[in-house]
Amino acid sequence: MAIRDYFKPVQTMTAEQVREFLGRHDPADYNLVDVRQPGEYRKEHLPGARPIPVAELADRLNDLDPSKPTITY
């Protein structure tokens, strides 16, 4: 990741917009990432969400398909 990537604007969505997006798209068409701690993920998470704690995110970007939109929560 280049330094300029840290300064690119990102789209934000409300919870309702995310619900609508997930309802309109096949899970294979996007990356859904739960950045909370493992215990929080185990308690509950959105179906299809991949657990990648925020502290590990930079090291695990290769786990995500860059051609797909990514939703993190």
N, C-alpha and C. Protein backbone atom coordinates (compact mmCIF):
# COMPACT_ATOMS: atom_id res chain seq x y z
N MET A 1 0.84 -1.16 0.00
CA MET A 1 0.00 0.00 0.00
C MET A 1 0.90 1.24 0.00
N ALA A 2 0.63 2.12 -0.90
CA ALA A 2 1.40 3.37 -0.99
C ALA A 2 0.86 4.39 0.00
N ILE A 3 1.70 5.32 0.37
CA ILE A 3 1.30 6.35 1.34
C ILE A 3 0.08 7.12 0.85
N ARG A 4 -0.01 7.35 -0.44
CA ARG A 4 -1.15 8.11 -0.97
C ARG A 4 -2.48 7.37 -0.80
N ASP A 5 -2.42 6.05 -0.64
CA ASP A 5 -3.64 5.27 -0.42
C ASP A 5 -4.31 5.62 0.90
N TYR A 6 -3.55 6.09 1.85
CA TYR A 6 -4.11 6.46 3.15
C TYR A 6 -4.93 7.74 3.09
N PHE A 7 -4.80 8.48 2.00
CA PHE A 7 -5.47 9.77 1.88
C PHE A 7 -6.59 9.77 0.85
N LYS A 8 -6.92 8.61 0.32
CA LYS A 8 -8.04 8.52 -0.62
C LYS A 8 -9.34 8.60 0.14
N PRO A 9 -10.28 9.36 -0.38
CA PRO A 9 -11.59 9.40 0.29
C PRO A 9 -12.28 8.04 0.19
N VAL A 10 -13.01 7.68 1.21
CA VAL A 10 -13.75 6.43 1.20
C VAL A 10 -15.23 6.74 1.39
N GLN A 11 -16.04 5.92 0.80
CA GLN A 11 -17.48 6.08 0.93
C GLN A 11 -17.91 5.53 2.29
N THR A 12 -18.78 6.25 2.96
CA THR A 12 -19.37 5.74 4.19
C THR A 12 -20.85 5.46 3.93
N MET A 13 -21.37 4.52 4.70
CA MET A 13 -22.76 4.12 4.54
C MET A 13 -23.41 4.04 5.92
N THR A 14 -24.68 4.35 5.97
CA THR A 14 -25.43 4.16 7.20
C THR A 14 -25.74 2.66 7.35
N ALA A 15 -26.15 2.26 8.52
CA ALA A 15 -26.53 0.86 8.73
C ALA A 15 -27.64 0.45 7.77
N GLU A 16 -28.59 1.34 7.54
CA GLU A 16 -29.69 1.03 6.61
C GLU A 16 -29.16 0.86 5.19
N GLN A 17 -28.24 1.70 4.76
CA GLN A 17 -27.66 1.57 3.42
C GLN A 17 -26.90 0.25 3.28
N VAL A 18 -26.21 -0.16 4.33
CA VAL A 18 -25.50 -1.45 4.28
C VAL A 18 -26.50 -2.59 4.18
N ARG A 19 -27.58 -2.54 4.97
CA ARG A 19 -28.61 -3.58 4.88
C ARG A 19 -29.16 -3.68 3.46
N GLU A 20 -29.44 -2.54 2.85
CA GLU A 20 -29.96 -2.54 1.48
C GLU A 20 -28.93 -3.10 0.51
N PHE A 21 -27.68 -2.70 0.66
CA PHE A 21 -26.62 -3.20 -0.22
C PHE A 21 -26.51 -4.72 -0.11
N LEU A 22 -26.45 -5.23 1.13
CA LEU A 22 -26.32 -6.67 1.33
C LEU A 22 -27.52 -7.42 0.78
N GLY A 23 -28.69 -6.83 0.86
CA GLY A 23 -29.89 -7.46 0.33
C GLY A 23 -29.94 -7.49 -1.18
N ARG A 24 -29.28 -6.55 -1.83
CA ARG A 24 -29.30 -6.46 -3.30
C ARG A 24 -28.16 -7.20 -3.98
N HIS A 25 -27.15 -7.62 -3.23
CA HIS A 25 -25.96 -8.21 -3.84
C HIS A 25 -25.70 -9.61 -3.31
N ASP A 26 -25.14 -10.43 -4.16
CA ASP A 26 -24.72 -11.77 -3.79
C ASP A 26 -23.48 -11.65 -2.91
N PRO A 27 -23.39 -12.43 -1.82
CA PRO A 27 -22.22 -12.35 -0.95
C PRO A 27 -20.88 -12.58 -1.68
N ALA A 28 -20.91 -13.28 -2.78
CA ALA A 28 -19.68 -13.51 -3.54
C ALA A 28 -19.20 -12.25 -4.26
N ASP A 29 -20.05 -11.21 -4.27
CA ASP A 29 -19.72 -9.99 -5.01
C ASP A 29 -19.07 -8.90 -4.17
N TYR A 30 -18.84 -9.15 -2.88
CA TYR A 30 -18.23 -8.13 -2.01
C TYR A 30 -17.44 -8.79 -0.89
N ASN A 31 -16.57 -8.03 -0.27
CA ASN A 31 -15.84 -8.45 0.93
C ASN A 31 -16.56 -7.84 2.12
N LEU A 32 -16.94 -8.67 3.08
CA LEU A 32 -17.57 -8.19 4.31
C LEU A 32 -16.63 -8.54 5.45
N VAL A 33 -16.10 -7.52 6.13
CA VAL A 33 -15.06 -7.72 7.12
C VAL A 33 -15.51 -7.19 8.49
N ASP A 34 -15.45 -8.07 9.48
CA ASP A 34 -15.74 -7.72 10.86
C ASP A 34 -14.40 -7.41 11.53
N VAL A 35 -14.16 -6.15 11.88
CA VAL A 35 -12.87 -5.75 12.43
C VAL A 35 -12.83 -5.75 13.96
N ARG A 36 -13.85 -6.30 14.57
CA ARG A 36 -13.88 -6.35 16.04
C ARG A 36 -12.97 -7.47 16.55
N GLN A 37 -12.87 -7.58 17.84
CA GLN A 37 -12.05 -8.61 18.47
C GLN A 37 -12.70 -9.99 18.29
N PRO A 38 -11.90 -11.07 18.29
CA PRO A 38 -12.43 -12.41 18.06
C PRO A 38 -13.60 -12.79 18.97
N GLY A 39 -13.56 -12.41 20.24
CA GLY A 39 -14.66 -12.74 21.15
C GLY A 39 -15.96 -12.08 20.74
N GLU A 40 -15.87 -10.85 20.27
CA GLU A 40 -17.05 -10.14 19.79
C GLU A 40 -17.60 -10.81 18.53
N TYR A 41 -16.70 -11.22 17.65
CA TYR A 41 -17.11 -11.91 16.41
C TYR A 41 -17.83 -13.22 16.77
N ARG A 42 -17.25 -13.98 17.72
CA ARG A 42 -17.85 -15.26 18.09
C ARG A 42 -19.24 -15.09 18.68
N LYS A 43 -19.44 -14.00 19.44
CA LYS A 43 -20.76 -13.75 20.04
C LYS A 43 -21.83 -13.58 18.98
N GLU A 44 -21.53 -12.75 17.99
CA GLU A 44 -22.45 -12.52 16.87
C GLU A 44 -21.73 -11.75 15.78
N HIS A 45 -22.15 -12.02 14.57
CA HIS A 45 -21.60 -11.31 13.41
C HIS A 45 -22.57 -11.45 12.25
N LEU A 46 -22.38 -10.61 11.27
CA LEU A 46 -23.22 -10.70 10.07
C LEU A 46 -22.87 -11.95 9.30
N PRO A 47 -23.87 -12.65 8.75
CA PRO A 47 -23.58 -13.85 7.96
C PRO A 47 -22.62 -13.53 6.82
N GLY A 48 -21.61 -14.36 6.69
CA GLY A 48 -20.64 -14.20 5.61
C GLY A 48 -19.49 -13.27 5.94
N ALA A 49 -19.52 -12.63 7.12
CA ALA A 49 -18.45 -11.71 7.49
C ALA A 49 -17.17 -12.47 7.80
N ARG A 50 -16.07 -11.92 7.35
CA ARG A 50 -14.75 -12.49 7.62
C ARG A 50 -14.15 -11.75 8.82
N PRO A 51 -13.69 -12.49 9.84
CA PRO A 51 -13.10 -11.82 10.99
C PRO A 51 -11.65 -11.43 10.74
N ILE A 52 -11.39 -10.14 10.69
CA ILE A 52 -10.02 -9.62 10.60
C ILE A 52 -9.95 -8.45 11.57
N PRO A 53 -9.44 -8.69 12.79
CA PRO A 53 -9.36 -7.60 13.76
C PRO A 53 -8.63 -6.39 13.17
N VAL A 54 -9.06 -5.21 13.56
CA VAL A 54 -8.51 -3.98 12.99
C VAL A 54 -6.99 -3.92 13.13
N ALA A 55 -6.43 -4.45 14.20
CA ALA A 55 -4.98 -4.44 14.39
C ALA A 55 -4.25 -5.31 13.37
N GLU A 56 -4.95 -6.26 12.76
CA GLU A 56 -4.35 -7.16 11.77
C GLU A 56 -4.65 -6.75 10.34
N LEU A 57 -5.51 -5.79 10.18
CA LEU A 57 -6.02 -5.45 8.85
C LEU A 57 -4.92 -5.12 7.84
N ALA A 58 -3.98 -4.29 8.21
CA ALA A 58 -2.92 -3.89 7.28
C ALA A 58 -2.11 -5.10 6.81
N ASP A 59 -1.90 -6.07 7.69
CA ASP A 59 -1.13 -7.26 7.33
C ASP A 59 -1.94 -8.30 6.57
N ARG A 60 -3.26 -8.14 6.55
CA ARG A 60 -4.10 -9.17 5.92
C ARG A 60 -4.88 -8.65 4.72
N LEU A 61 -4.46 -7.54 4.18
CA LEU A 61 -5.16 -6.99 3.00
C LEU A 61 -5.14 -7.97 1.84
N ASN A 62 -4.11 -8.80 1.75
CA ASN A 62 -4.06 -9.78 0.66
C ASN A 62 -5.13 -10.85 0.79
N ASP A 63 -5.79 -10.94 1.94
CA ASP A 63 -6.89 -11.89 2.13
C ASP A 63 -8.16 -11.42 1.41
N LEU A 64 -8.17 -10.15 1.00
CA LEU A 64 -9.37 -9.57 0.40
C LEU A 64 -9.19 -9.42 -1.11
N ASP A 65 -10.28 -9.61 -1.83
CA ASP A 65 -10.26 -9.44 -3.28
C ASP A 65 -10.37 -7.95 -3.59
N PRO A 66 -9.31 -7.35 -4.14
CA PRO A 66 -9.33 -5.91 -4.40
C PRO A 66 -10.29 -5.48 -5.51
N SER A 67 -10.78 -6.42 -6.27
CA SER A 67 -11.71 -6.07 -7.35
C SER A 67 -13.15 -5.94 -6.85
N LYS A 68 -13.38 -6.28 -5.59
CA LYS A 68 -14.73 -6.24 -5.02
C LYS A 68 -14.82 -5.11 -4.01
N PRO A 69 -16.02 -4.52 -3.86
CA PRO A 69 -16.19 -3.54 -2.79
C PRO A 69 -15.99 -4.23 -1.43
N THR A 70 -15.46 -3.48 -0.48
CA THR A 70 -15.23 -4.01 0.86
C THR A 70 -16.02 -3.19 1.86
N ILE A 71 -16.78 -3.89 2.69
CA ILE A 71 -17.56 -3.27 3.75
C ILE A 71 -16.94 -3.75 5.06
N THR A 72 -16.56 -2.80 5.91
CA THR A 72 -16.01 -3.16 7.22
C THR A 72 -16.93 -2.62 8.31
N TYR A 73 -16.96 -3.37 9.39
CA TYR A 73 -17.72 -2.90 10.55
C TYR A 73 -17.07 -3.42 11.80
